Amino acid sequence: MTTLDIAARSPRAGGINLTLLGIELRRVLRNRRTVIFTLLFPGAMFLAFGSQYSASDSAGSGNVTAYIMVAMGLYGAAMTASAAGASVALERAQGWSRQLRLTPLRPAAYILVKALSALVMGAIAVGVVNLVGVVQGRAHMPLGTWVSCALLTVLSTLVFAALGLFVGYLVPGETAMQVLGPALAVFAFAGNVFIPISQGSVMWTIASFTPMFGVAEITRYPITNDLPWYAVVNAVVWLGLFVGGAAWRMSRDTGRV
């Protein structure tokens, strides 16, 4: 049974069902680049950077290794979620999106399936990095803090799912990931994810306007116990901008049919 058949037979809830979501997830997981660079790469980076510190090097309610683990989990989830969202670019190039518009699957439902897929993929990426942290044995923080960081990181993937959708509707085909890959790396460096930035400095002020700054502060809040109000504003504003941009480009795309 194809996705087209499922959508045609499932008019309720706009055509959304678990089978359709499962097919979407399988489509993403079949992409070897996604599996290697968004699921395995962050775990490898955590091993490279997190192994440089002793378990006794403290950071807030945890240690430095745990702090780095959360950061790498966020980066992996951001790449995975944006890749899941950006897959719409290939579907548009292949004419798949055009076919789906001939079914009862509503555009809003299609976007929701993409968002749910991105959340699941983001959760897998976070789970992989945290599993590496457990196996390595150097990351230490209270269990409640560990779980809170993981859940906040998964929730934060919505920002990057929206970014992926926006870029997927903005640029053609495989160009989407060629744009997102370097952009996310720049966002991570500039947004206080890879390199700690001194609070109150000029670089901190610049970082506070970048897309990854707000979610980075939110995901690490259970460890640092410090969450500037402008970090929350940053995350909400960027989510709104990416969602608005994706909706705008989608309306132009569907208007051509």
Protein backbone atom coordinates (compact mmCIF):
# COMPACT_ATOMS: atom_id res chain seq x y z
CA MET A 1 0.00 0.00 0.00
CA THR A 2 1.47 3.36 -1.00
CA THR A 3 1.32 6.68 0.83
CA LEU A 4 -1.04 7.89 -1.90
CA ASP A 5 -3.46 5.01 -1.16
CA ILE A 6 -3.26 5.64 2.59
CA ALA A 7 -3.97 9.35 2.20
CA ALA A 8 -6.86 8.65 -0.16
CA ARG A 9 -8.46 6.20 2.26
CA SER A 10 -7.88 8.30 5.38
CA PRO A 11 -9.82 11.57 5.10
CA ARG A 12 -10.23 11.92 8.87
CA ALA A 13 -7.75 14.22 10.64
CA GLY A 14 -6.67 15.44 7.24
CA GLY A 15 -5.35 12.03 6.23
CA ILE A 16 -2.96 11.55 9.18
CA ASN A 17 -2.47 8.06 10.61
CA LEU A 18 0.34 6.06 12.17
CA THR A 19 0.98 4.12 8.95
CA LEU A 20 1.58 7.34 7.05
CA LEU A 21 3.93 8.55 9.79
CA GLY A 22 5.75 5.20 9.73
CA ILE A 23 6.28 5.44 5.98
CA GLU A 24 7.63 8.96 6.40
CA LEU A 25 10.10 7.80 9.05
CA ARG A 26 11.28 4.92 6.88
CA ARG A 27 11.84 7.34 4.01
CA VAL A 28 14.12 9.44 6.23
CA LEU A 29 15.99 6.48 7.74
CA ARG A 30 16.72 5.03 4.30
CA ASN A 31 18.89 8.06 3.63
CA ARG A 32 22.39 6.89 4.60
CA ARG A 33 23.68 10.45 4.83
CA THR A 34 21.04 11.21 7.44
CA VAL A 35 21.90 8.14 9.50
CA ILE A 36 25.67 8.69 9.40
CA PHE A 37 25.97 12.45 9.75
CA THR A 38 23.00 13.18 11.97
CA LEU A 39 22.84 10.12 14.21
CA LEU A 40 26.44 8.89 14.49
CA PHE A 41 28.46 12.07 13.97
CA PRO A 42 27.21 13.93 17.11
CA GLY A 43 27.96 10.88 19.27
CA ALA A 44 31.48 10.73 17.83
CA MET A 45 31.96 14.45 18.46
CA PHE A 46 30.85 13.99 22.05
CA LEU A 47 33.41 11.23 22.54
CA ALA A 48 36.10 13.46 21.05
CA PHE A 49 35.34 16.54 23.13
CA GLY A 50 33.78 15.02 26.24
CA SER A 51 36.69 12.66 26.88
CA GLN A 52 39.05 15.59 27.45
CA TYR A 53 37.58 16.38 30.86
CA SER A 54 37.67 14.59 34.17
CA ALA A 55 34.47 13.43 35.84
CA SER A 56 35.32 15.80 38.68
CA ASP A 57 35.21 18.94 36.49
CA SER A 58 31.91 20.43 37.65
CA ALA A 59 29.44 22.55 35.69
CA GLY A 60 26.30 23.63 37.52
CA SER A 61 24.42 20.65 38.90
CA GLY A 62 26.42 18.28 36.70
CA ASN A 63 29.90 18.10 35.26
CA VAL A 64 31.55 19.46 32.10
CA THR A 65 31.17 16.17 30.26
CA ALA A 66 27.40 16.20 30.87
CA TYR A 67 27.28 19.83 29.71
CA ILE A 68 29.02 18.86 26.46
CA MET A 69 26.77 15.82 26.04
CA VAL A 70 23.66 18.01 26.15
CA ALA A 71 25.21 20.40 23.62
CA MET A 72 26.06 17.59 21.19
CA GLY A 73 22.61 16.08 21.65
CA LEU A 74 21.09 19.42 20.66
CA TYR A 75 23.33 19.67 17.60
CA GLY A 76 22.49 16.12 16.51
CA ALA A 77 18.77 16.70 17.03
CA ALA A 78 18.95 19.99 15.10
CA MET A 79 20.61 18.31 12.12
CA THR A 80 18.24 15.35 12.18
CA ALA A 81 15.07 17.42 12.54
CA SER A 82 16.10 19.90 9.86
CA ALA A 83 16.97 17.04 7.50
CA ALA A 84 13.54 15.48 8.06
CA GLY A 85 11.88 18.81 7.33
CA ALA A 86 14.09 19.57 4.34
CA SER A 87 13.14 16.27 2.69
CA VAL A 88 10.18 18.18 1.31
CA ALA A 89 12.62 19.72 -1.20
CA LEU A 90 13.32 16.33 -2.82
CA GLU A 91 9.63 15.42 -2.74
CA ARG A 92 8.82 18.64 -4.58
CA ALA A 93 11.55 17.96 -7.14
CA GLN A 94 10.25 14.42 -7.72
CA GLY A 95 6.64 15.57 -8.04
CA TRP A 96 5.55 13.68 -4.92
CA SER A 97 4.11 16.75 -3.21
CA ARG A 98 2.04 17.45 -6.31
CA GLN A 99 0.61 13.91 -6.21
CA LEU A 100 -0.30 14.22 -2.53
CA ARG A 101 -2.34 17.33 -3.27
CA LEU A 102 -4.65 15.14 -5.37
CA THR A 103 -5.58 13.17 -2.23
CA PRO A 104 -7.62 14.14 0.88
CA LEU A 105 -4.32 14.69 2.71
CA ARG A 106 -4.55 18.36 3.66
CA PRO A 107 -1.47 20.63 3.45
CA ALA A 108 -1.60 21.31 7.20
CA ALA A 109 -1.72 17.57 7.89
CA TYR A 110 1.23 17.02 5.57
CA ILE A 111 3.26 19.60 7.49
CA LEU A 112 2.19 18.01 10.80
CA VAL A 113 3.42 14.61 9.61
CA LYS A 114 6.75 16.21 8.72
CA ALA A 115 6.94 17.85 12.16
CA LEU A 116 6.12 14.59 13.97
CA SER A 117 8.70 12.78 11.88
CA ALA A 118 11.28 15.42 12.78
CA LEU A 119 10.43 15.08 16.49
CA VAL A 120 10.86 11.31 16.38
CA MET A 121 14.16 11.59 14.50
CA GLY A 122 15.32 14.29 16.93
CA ALA A 123 14.46 12.01 19.84
CA ILE A 124 16.50 9.20 18.27
CA ALA A 125 19.49 11.53 17.84
CA VAL A 126 19.24 12.70 21.47
CA GLY A 127 18.89 9.09 22.60
CA VAL A 128 22.03 8.04 20.70
CA VAL A 129 24.17 10.81 22.24
CA ASN A 130 22.82 10.10 25.73
CA LEU A 131 23.46 6.38 25.27
CA VAL A 132 27.05 7.17 24.33
CA GLY A 133 27.24 9.30 27.48
CA VAL A 134 26.02 6.42 29.62
CA VAL A 135 28.44 3.94 28.04
CA GLN A 136 31.37 6.35 28.33
CA GLY A 137 30.59 6.81 32.01
CA ARG A 138 32.04 10.29 32.51
CA ALA A 139 28.84 12.33 32.28
CA HIS A 140 27.37 12.89 35.74
CA MET A 141 24.24 14.77 36.78
CA PRO A 142 21.08 13.93 38.76
CA LEU A 143 18.68 11.60 36.95
CA GLY A 144 15.92 14.23 36.95
CA THR A 145 18.31 16.75 35.39
CA TRP A 146 19.37 14.20 32.78
CA VAL A 147 15.77 13.44 31.78
CA SER A 148 14.79 17.13 31.79
CA CYS A 149 17.67 18.05 29.48
CA ALA A 150 16.76 15.25 27.07
CA LEU A 151 13.08 16.21 26.95
CA LEU A 152 13.83 19.90 26.45
CA THR A 153 16.25 19.03 23.65
CA VAL A 154 13.62 16.95 21.86
CA LEU A 155 11.07 19.75 22.25
CA SER A 156 13.60 22.23 20.84
CA THR A 157 13.82 20.22 17.62
CA LEU A 158 10.57 21.86 16.53
CA VAL A 159 12.55 25.01 15.79
CA PHE A 160 14.84 23.14 13.42
CA ALA A 161 12.05 21.08 11.88
CA ALA A 162 10.46 24.41 10.93
CA LEU A 163 13.82 25.64 9.62
CA GLY A 164 14.17 22.51 7.50
CA LEU A 165 10.68 22.94 6.06
CA PHE A 166 11.35 26.59 5.29
CA VAL A 167 14.61 25.82 3.49
CA GLY A 168 13.01 22.80 1.80
CA TYR A 169 10.35 25.03 0.25
CA LEU A 170 12.86 27.78 -0.46
CA VAL A 171 15.56 25.93 -2.42
CA PRO A 172 15.39 23.03 -4.89
CA GLY A 173 16.23 19.34 -4.39
CA GLU A 174 19.41 18.28 -2.63
CA THR A 175 20.51 21.90 -2.30
CA ALA A 176 18.46 22.07 0.92
CA MET A 177 20.88 19.97 2.98
CA GLN A 178 23.87 21.62 1.32
CA VAL A 179 22.54 24.87 2.75
CA LEU A 180 21.43 23.53 6.13
CA GLY A 181 24.59 21.58 6.99
CA PRO A 182 27.02 24.53 6.99
CA ALA A 183 24.35 26.89 8.35
CA LEU A 184 23.72 24.72 11.42
CA ALA A 185 27.46 24.44 12.08
CA VAL A 186 27.78 28.24 11.97
CA PHE A 187 24.71 28.62 14.21
CA ALA A 188 26.22 26.18 16.71
CA PHE A 189 29.58 27.99 16.85
CA ALA A 190 27.96 31.43 17.03
CA GLY A 191 25.16 30.38 19.37
CA ASN A 192 27.17 29.25 22.41
CA VAL A 193 26.80 25.54 21.65
CA PHE A 194 30.30 24.38 20.69
CA ILE A 195 32.39 27.11 22.29
CA PRO A 196 31.37 28.63 25.67
CA ILE A 197 30.96 32.40 25.41
CA SER A 198 31.41 34.70 28.41
CA GLN A 199 28.08 36.14 29.51
CA GLY A 200 27.96 39.92 29.12
CA SER A 201 30.64 40.05 26.40
CA VAL A 202 30.18 41.47 22.90
CA MET A 203 30.17 37.93 21.49
CA TRP A 204 27.44 36.98 23.97
CA THR A 205 25.30 39.87 22.71
CA ILE A 206 25.82 38.77 19.11
CA ALA A 207 25.13 35.12 20.01
CA SER A 208 21.83 36.04 21.69
CA PHE A 209 20.40 36.93 18.27
CA THR A 210 21.36 33.67 16.54
CA PRO A 211 18.85 30.81 15.99
CA MET A 212 20.55 28.23 18.20
CA PHE A 213 21.26 30.43 21.22
CA GLY A 214 17.81 30.31 22.80
CA VAL A 215 17.29 26.57 22.51
CA ALA A 216 20.84 25.92 23.76
CA GLU A 217 20.18 27.91 26.92
CA ILE A 218 16.80 26.19 27.39
CA THR A 219 18.16 22.66 26.97
CA ARG A 220 21.01 23.31 29.43
CA TYR A 221 18.87 25.09 31.99
CA PRO A 222 18.41 21.99 34.22
CA ILE A 223 22.23 21.88 34.55
CA THR A 224 23.07 25.57 34.73
CA ASN A 225 19.98 26.68 36.70
CA ASP A 226 20.26 29.92 34.71
CA LEU A 227 17.86 30.83 31.92
CA PRO A 228 17.90 34.45 30.69
CA TRP A 229 14.45 35.68 29.67
CA TYR A 230 15.78 36.78 26.29
CA ALA A 231 16.84 33.19 25.54
CA VAL A 232 13.19 32.10 25.69
CA VAL A 233 12.19 35.06 23.52
CA ASN A 234 14.93 34.12 21.06
CA ALA A 235 13.61 30.54 20.72
CA VAL A 236 9.98 31.63 20.33
CA VAL A 237 10.79 34.34 17.78
CA TRP A 238 12.92 32.08 15.61
CA LEU A 239 10.29 29.32 15.76
CA GLY A 240 7.66 31.85 14.64
CA LEU A 241 9.87 33.13 11.83
CA PHE A 242 10.64 29.65 10.50
CA VAL A 243 7.02 28.48 10.75
CA GLY A 244 5.84 31.67 9.08
CA GLY A 245 8.44 31.33 6.34
CA ALA A 246 7.51 27.68 5.72
CA ALA A 247 3.78 28.55 5.58
CA TRP A 248 4.47 31.42 3.18
CA ARG A 249 6.56 29.31 0.82
CA MET A 250 4.09 26.41 1.03
CA SER A 251 1.19 28.70 0.08
CA ARG A 252 3.12 29.87 -2.97
CA ASP A 253 3.98 26.27 -3.84
CA THR A 254 0.41 25.00 -3.57
CA GLY A 255 -0.82 28.03 -5.48
CA ARG A 256 0.94 26.74 -8.60
CA VAL A 257 -1.24 23.59 -8.69
